[in-house]
Structures are given as C-alpha cells and as structure tokens.
C-alpha cells in the first residue's frame, strides 16, 4: 500500500561522490559536467522511490517528469542535455548515474503516449501516466504550498543509464 506520509532517508552524498568518481575514472571523456551532478531520489516516499528506481535498473524506465515549480522551490537549475545525475534508493544509497538525453517543457495535455511509455510506469499508457502524475503533483504542490493545475509547466526528461557498468545501457 502506498504511504505518501513515509519519508525517504537523506541521500548518502559521500557514497554518491564515490560512485561519480568511479564513473569519471572509467569514462573521463563522458564525465565532463562543469558542475557536480545532482543527487536525487525518484518519487516522494520510500515505496514509490524504490519502485521507480527498480524500473530504471531493470531497463524499463528511461524518462521522468518533474514540475518546473519543484526545481524552482529547491533552487535547482533545470537539467541540461548531456548533464548527469545520481539516482538514490529510499535508504539514500546511490544506485545509478543517469545522463540526460532529451529535455522539453510541456503542460499535462502536451505529453504524448511515447513519453508515457518511456517512463515505464503502471501499464505504460498515457491515461495511467496522467492519473499517477496528477496524484503525485497534487501532493508535491501541497508540500510546496500551492495548488497544482494541469497548466503548470513540466520538465520532460529522457535519460540513459551510464553507470555502474552492470546496469548501464
């Protein structure tokens, strides 16, 4: 049962930095970001975080979506094509380094079947994608002190898994 009231553990920054350094040593030609990668968790509670990260590691999930307002509230820059980020599980342990391959800004009605499928969630249909993300963004907006509407801008991001080697694309 989904428990949005439960919280993820803080990310293990030291372990994430070690994972990044291992990737940089193995692929200095690819790890050329000007800034250190962000260290993130999918979802907003442990069950969802681990479910989504498991889809990434399994190769099913190769896209994600977040509200522009969430980036703004956290004073985070929007992702850039070619930038990396480190995905952690609900315990804060880093599990994968992701590299952004495609980005666009849209509103809910502009998201298409292909993107919903690439997110790899539920039955991979646009209908289930919209239902699940609407619930998620309503929770996120409430936490940030505003009411979510389908007109809020969304960052649509496709990515590749680049490290560790045993889960990389």
C-alpha atoms as a PDB file:
ATOM      1  CA  UNK A   1       0.000   0.000   0.000  1.00  0.00           C
ATOM      2  CA  UNK A   2       1.269   3.417  -0.947  1.00  0.00           C
ATOM      3  CA  UNK A   3       2.232   5.570   2.040  1.00  0.00           C
ATOM      4  CA  UNK A   4       2.976   9.152   0.948  1.00  0.00           C
ATOM      5  CA  UNK A   5       3.413  10.134   4.615  1.00  0.00           C
ATOM      6  CA  UNK A   6       6.561   7.977   4.942  1.00  0.00           C
ATOM      7  CA  UNK A   7       9.823   9.718   4.136  1.00  0.00           C
ATOM      8  CA  UNK A   8      12.926   8.694   2.247  1.00  0.00           C
ATOM      9  CA  UNK A   9      16.221   8.699   4.099  1.00  0.00           C
ATOM     10  CA  UNK A  10      18.611  11.530   3.195  1.00  0.00           C
ATOM     11  CA  UNK A  11      20.858  10.748   0.246  1.00  0.00           C
ATOM     12  CA  UNK A  12      24.341   9.420   1.053  1.00  0.00           C
ATOM     13  CA  UNK A  13      26.391  12.191  -0.540  1.00  0.00           C
ATOM     14  CA  UNK A  14      29.750  10.573   0.224  1.00  0.00           C
ATOM     15  CA  UNK A  15      28.717   7.300  -1.454  1.00  0.00           C
ATOM     16  CA  UNK A  16      27.264   9.228  -4.407  1.00  0.00           C
ATOM     17  CA  UNK A  17      30.525  11.133  -4.820  1.00  0.00           C
ATOM     18  CA  UNK A  18      32.450   7.826  -4.753  1.00  0.00           C
ATOM     19  CA  UNK A  19      30.147   6.432  -7.460  1.00  0.00           C
ATOM     20  CA  UNK A  20      30.703   9.583  -9.543  1.00  0.00           C
ATOM     21  CA  UNK A  21      34.490   9.337  -9.131  1.00  0.00           C
ATOM     22  CA  UNK A  22      34.413   5.684 -10.256  1.00  0.00           C
ATOM     23  CA  UNK A  23      32.448   6.712 -13.355  1.00  0.00           C
ATOM     24  CA  UNK A  24      34.819   9.627 -14.038  1.00  0.00           C
ATOM     25  CA  UNK A  25      37.829   7.321 -13.770  1.00  0.00           C
ATOM     26  CA  UNK A  26      36.270   4.803 -16.170  1.00  0.00           C
ATOM     27  CA  UNK A  27      34.859   7.389 -18.619  1.00  0.00           C
ATOM     28  CA  UNK A  28      36.759  10.691 -18.401  1.00  0.00           C
ATOM     29  CA  UNK A  29      35.581  11.518 -21.928  1.00  0.00           C
ATOM     30  CA  UNK A  30      31.904  11.400 -20.841  1.00  0.00           C
ATOM     31  CA  UNK A  31      32.062  12.794 -17.287  1.00  0.00           C
ATOM     32  CA  UNK A  32      32.729  16.356 -18.382  1.00  0.00           C
ATOM     33  CA  UNK A  33      29.971  18.213 -16.494  1.00  0.00           C
ATOM     34  CA  UNK A  34      31.074  21.672 -15.355  1.00  0.00           C
ATOM     35  CA  UNK A  35      29.208  21.193 -12.068  1.00  0.00           C
ATOM     36  CA  UNK A  36      28.994  18.087  -9.883  1.00  0.00           C
ATOM     37  CA  UNK A  37      25.906  16.015 -10.725  1.00  0.00           C
ATOM     38  CA  UNK A  38      22.784  16.434  -8.651  1.00  0.00           C
ATOM     39  CA  UNK A  39      21.976  13.608  -6.254  1.00  0.00           C
ATOM     40  CA  UNK A  40      18.278  12.756  -6.319  1.00  0.00           C
ATOM     41  CA  UNK A  41      15.560  10.275  -5.430  1.00  0.00           C
ATOM     42  CA  UNK A  42      12.581   9.470  -7.629  1.00  0.00           C
ATOM     43  CA  UNK A  43       9.146   9.861  -6.039  1.00  0.00           C
ATOM     44  CA  UNK A  44       8.148  11.249  -2.687  1.00  0.00           C
ATOM     45  CA  UNK A  45       8.013   8.211  -0.398  1.00  0.00           C
ATOM     46  CA  UNK A  46      10.049   5.019   0.033  1.00  0.00           C
ATOM     47  CA  UNK A  47       7.755   2.607  -1.789  1.00  0.00           C
ATOM     48  CA  UNK A  48       7.488   4.830  -4.869  1.00  0.00           C
ATOM     49  CA  UNK A  49      11.184   5.741  -4.823  1.00  0.00           C
ATOM     50  CA  UNK A  50      12.280   2.118  -4.830  1.00  0.00           C
ATOM     51  CA  UNK A  51       9.657   1.037  -7.354  1.00  0.00           C
ATOM     52  CA  UNK A  52      10.758   3.713  -9.838  1.00  0.00           C
ATOM     53  CA  UNK A  53      14.466   3.112  -9.317  1.00  0.00           C
ATOM     54  CA  UNK A  54      13.955  -0.628  -9.790  1.00  0.00           C
ATOM     55  CA  UNK A  55      12.317   0.169 -13.162  1.00  0.00           C
ATOM     56  CA  UNK A  56      15.391   2.223 -14.092  1.00  0.00           C
ATOM     57  CA  UNK A  57      17.839  -0.513 -13.107  1.00  0.00           C
ATOM     58  CA  UNK A  58      15.747  -3.135 -14.944  1.00  0.00           C
ATOM     59  CA  UNK A  59      15.877  -1.053 -18.138  1.00  0.00           C
ATOM     60  CA  UNK A  60      12.147  -0.299 -18.279  1.00  0.00           C
ATOM     61  CA  UNK A  61      12.161   3.364 -17.238  1.00  0.00           C
ATOM     62  CA  UNK A  62      14.095   5.778 -19.448  1.00  0.00           C
ATOM     63  CA  UNK A  63      12.165   9.004 -18.855  1.00  0.00           C
ATOM     64  CA  UNK A  64      10.975  11.113 -15.949  1.00  0.00           C
ATOM     65  CA  UNK A  65       8.905  14.240 -15.411  1.00  0.00           C
ATOM     66  CA  UNK A  66       9.010  16.958 -12.783  1.00  0.00           C
ATOM     67  CA  UNK A  67       7.301  20.263 -12.231  1.00  0.00           C
ATOM     68  CA  UNK A  68       9.309  23.347 -13.107  1.00  0.00           C
ATOM     69  CA  UNK A  69       7.982  24.743  -9.811  1.00  0.00           C
ATOM     70  CA  UNK A  70       9.694  21.897  -7.903  1.00  0.00           C
ATOM     71  CA  UNK A  71      13.073  22.839  -9.396  1.00  0.00           C
ATOM     72  CA  UNK A  72      12.420  26.492  -8.574  1.00  0.00           C
ATOM     73  CA  UNK A  73      11.357  25.722  -4.985  1.00  0.00           C
ATOM     74  CA  UNK A  74      14.554  23.727  -4.423  1.00  0.00           C
ATOM     75  CA  UNK A  75      16.697  26.414  -6.135  1.00  0.00           C
ATOM     76  CA  UNK A  76      17.849  23.743  -8.597  1.00  0.00           C
ATOM     77  CA  UNK A  77      18.683  24.544 -12.200  1.00  0.00           C
ATOM     78  CA  UNK A  78      16.670  22.689 -14.808  1.00  0.00           C
ATOM     79  CA  UNK A  79      18.503  19.680 -16.263  1.00  0.00           C
ATOM     80  CA  UNK A  80      20.505  20.095 -19.460  1.00  0.00           C
ATOM     81  CA  UNK A  81      21.005  17.600 -22.269  1.00  0.00           C
ATOM     82  CA  UNK A  82      24.274  15.820 -21.542  1.00  0.00           C
ATOM     83  CA  UNK A  83      24.229  16.522 -17.806  1.00  0.00           C
ATOM     84  CA  UNK A  84      24.409  13.689 -15.301  1.00  0.00           C
ATOM     85  CA  UNK A  85      22.567  12.968 -12.081  1.00  0.00           C
ATOM     86  CA  UNK A  86      22.834  10.270  -9.462  1.00  0.00           C
ATOM     87  CA  UNK A  87      19.696   8.322  -8.528  1.00  0.00           C
ATOM     88  CA  UNK A  88      19.460   7.001  -4.974  1.00  0.00           C
ATOM     89  CA  UNK A  89      17.078   4.499  -3.400  1.00  0.00           C
ATOM     90  CA  UNK A  90      14.821   5.219  -0.420  1.00  0.00           C
ATOM     91  CA  UNK A  91      17.650   4.437   2.022  1.00  0.00           C
ATOM     92  CA  UNK A  92      19.766   7.136   0.371  1.00  0.00           C
ATOM     93  CA  UNK A  93      22.134   4.668  -1.319  1.00  0.00           C
ATOM     94  CA  UNK A  94      23.226   5.688  -4.827  1.00  0.00           C
ATOM     95  CA  UNK A  95      22.317   3.036  -7.395  1.00  0.00           C
ATOM     96  CA  UNK A  96      22.777   4.574 -10.844  1.00  0.00           C
ATOM     97  CA  UNK A  97      24.216   7.511 -12.728  1.00  0.00           C
ATOM     98  CA  UNK A  98      21.874   8.870 -15.385  1.00  0.00           C
ATOM     99  CA  UNK A  99      22.670  11.157 -18.317  1.00  0.00           C
ATOM    100  CA  UNK A 100      20.001  13.450 -19.767  1.00  0.00           C
ATOM    101  CA  UNK A 101      19.484  12.781 -23.468  1.00  0.00           C
ATOM    102  CA  UNK A 102      16.361  14.826 -24.251  1.00  0.00           C
ATOM    103  CA  UNK A 103      14.510  17.625 -22.484  1.00  0.00           C
ATOM    104  CA  UNK A 104      11.432  19.673 -23.162  1.00  0.00           C
ATOM    105  CA  UNK A 105       8.958  21.797 -21.231  1.00  0.00           C
ATOM    106  CA  UNK A 106       5.262  20.979 -21.627  1.00  0.00           C
ATOM    107  CA  UNK A 107       1.946  21.007 -19.807  1.00  0.00           C
ATOM    108  CA  UNK A 108      -0.057  17.891 -18.996  1.00  0.00           C
ATOM    109  CA  UNK A 109      -2.088  17.838 -22.223  1.00  0.00           C
ATOM    110  CA  UNK A 110       1.113  18.054 -24.322  1.00  0.00           C
ATOM    111  CA  UNK A 111       2.568  14.788 -23.021  1.00  0.00           C
ATOM    112  CA  UNK A 112       2.244  12.000 -25.572  1.00  0.00           C
ATOM    113  CA  UNK A 113       1.907   8.193 -25.498  1.00  0.00           C
ATOM    114  CA  UNK A 114       5.568   7.729 -26.396  1.00  0.00           C
ATOM    115  CA  UNK A 115       6.785   9.673 -23.375  1.00  0.00           C
ATOM    116  CA  UNK A 116       4.349   7.886 -21.043  1.00  0.00           C
ATOM    117  CA  UNK A 117       5.601   4.551 -22.382  1.00  0.00           C
ATOM    118  CA  UNK A 118       9.251   5.544 -21.862  1.00  0.00           C
ATOM    119  CA  UNK A 119       8.515   6.427 -18.234  1.00  0.00           C
ATOM    120  CA  UNK A 120       7.798   2.710 -17.814  1.00  0.00           C
ATOM    121  CA  UNK A 121       5.248   3.062 -15.025  1.00  0.00           C
ATOM    122  CA  UNK A 122       1.982   1.201 -14.413  1.00  0.00           C
ATOM    123  CA  UNK A 123       0.665  -0.163 -17.732  1.00  0.00           C
ATOM    124  CA  UNK A 124       2.757   2.414 -19.671  1.00  0.00           C
ATOM    125  CA  UNK A 125      -0.326   4.117 -21.159  1.00  0.00           C
ATOM    126  CA  UNK A 126      -0.871   7.859 -21.329  1.00  0.00           C
ATOM    127  CA  UNK A 127      -4.044   7.507 -19.265  1.00  0.00           C
ATOM    128  CA  UNK A 128      -2.308   5.792 -16.339  1.00  0.00           C
ATOM    129  CA  UNK A 129       0.644   8.191 -16.668  1.00  0.00           C
ATOM    130  CA  UNK A 130      -1.675  11.191 -16.339  1.00  0.00           C
ATOM    131  CA  UNK A 131      -3.534   9.660 -13.374  1.00  0.00           C
ATOM    132  CA  UNK A 132      -0.381   8.767 -11.461  1.00  0.00           C
ATOM    133  CA  UNK A 133       1.413  12.019 -12.156  1.00  0.00           C
ATOM    134  CA  UNK A 134      -1.644  14.120 -11.308  1.00  0.00           C
ATOM    135  CA  UNK A 135      -1.796  12.458  -7.866  1.00  0.00           C
ATOM    136  CA  UNK A 136       1.958  12.918  -7.395  1.00  0.00           C
ATOM    137  CA  UNK A 137       1.983  16.570  -8.442  1.00  0.00           C
ATOM    138  CA  UNK A 138      -1.008  17.363  -6.245  1.00  0.00           C
ATOM    139  CA  UNK A 139       0.983  16.013  -3.281  1.00  0.00           C
ATOM    140  CA  UNK A 140       4.137  17.860  -4.373  1.00  0.00           C
ATOM    141  CA  UNK A 141       2.324  21.158  -4.866  1.00  0.00           C
ATOM    142  CA  UNK A 142       0.609  20.863  -1.479  1.00  0.00           C
ATOM    143  CA  UNK A 143       4.016  20.299   0.157  1.00  0.00           C
ATOM    144  CA  UNK A 144       5.322  23.413  -1.599  1.00  0.00           C
ATOM    145  CA  UNK A 145       2.274  25.498  -0.683  1.00  0.00           C
ATOM    146  CA  UNK A 146       0.416  25.865  -3.963  1.00  0.00           C
ATOM    147  CA  UNK A 147      -2.386  24.130  -5.814  1.00  0.00           C
ATOM    148  CA  UNK A 148      -1.328  22.087  -8.842  1.00  0.00           C
ATOM    149  CA  UNK A 149      -3.229  22.551 -12.090  1.00  0.00           C
ATOM    150  CA  UNK A 150      -2.743  20.834 -15.478  1.00  0.00           C
ATOM    151  CA  UNK A 151      -1.389  24.155 -16.799  1.00  0.00           C
ATOM    152  CA  UNK A 152       1.738  24.022 -14.620  1.00  0.00           C
ATOM    153  CA  UNK A 153       4.907  23.546 -16.662  1.00  0.00           C
ATOM    154  CA  UNK A 154       6.539  20.111 -16.587  1.00  0.00           C
ATOM    155  CA  UNK A 155      10.136  19.186 -17.400  1.00  0.00           C
ATOM    156  CA  UNK A 156      10.022  16.059 -19.576  1.00  0.00           C
ATOM    157  CA  UNK A 157      13.375  14.306 -19.498  1.00  0.00           C
ATOM    158  CA  UNK A 158      14.628  11.210 -21.268  1.00  0.00           C
ATOM    159  CA  UNK A 159      17.843   9.683 -19.983  1.00  0.00           C
ATOM    160  CA  UNK A 160      20.335   6.882 -20.388  1.00  0.00           C
ATOM    161  CA  UNK A 161      21.781   4.857 -17.530  1.00  0.00           C
ATOM    162  CA  UNK A 162      25.564   5.195 -17.793  1.00  0.00           C
ATOM    163  CA  UNK A 163      26.917   3.695 -14.557  1.00  0.00           C
ATOM    164  CA  UNK A 164      27.575   1.263 -12.931  1.00  0.00           C
ATOM    165  CA  UNK A 165      28.585  -0.847 -15.890  1.00  0.00           C
ATOM    166  CA  UNK A 166      26.375  -3.800 -14.936  1.00  0.00           C
ATOM    167  CA  UNK A 167      23.191  -1.695 -15.294  1.00  0.00           C
ATOM    168  CA  UNK A 168      24.320   0.773 -17.980  1.00  0.00           C
ATOM    169  CA  UNK A 169      22.530   0.940 -21.328  1.00  0.00           C
END
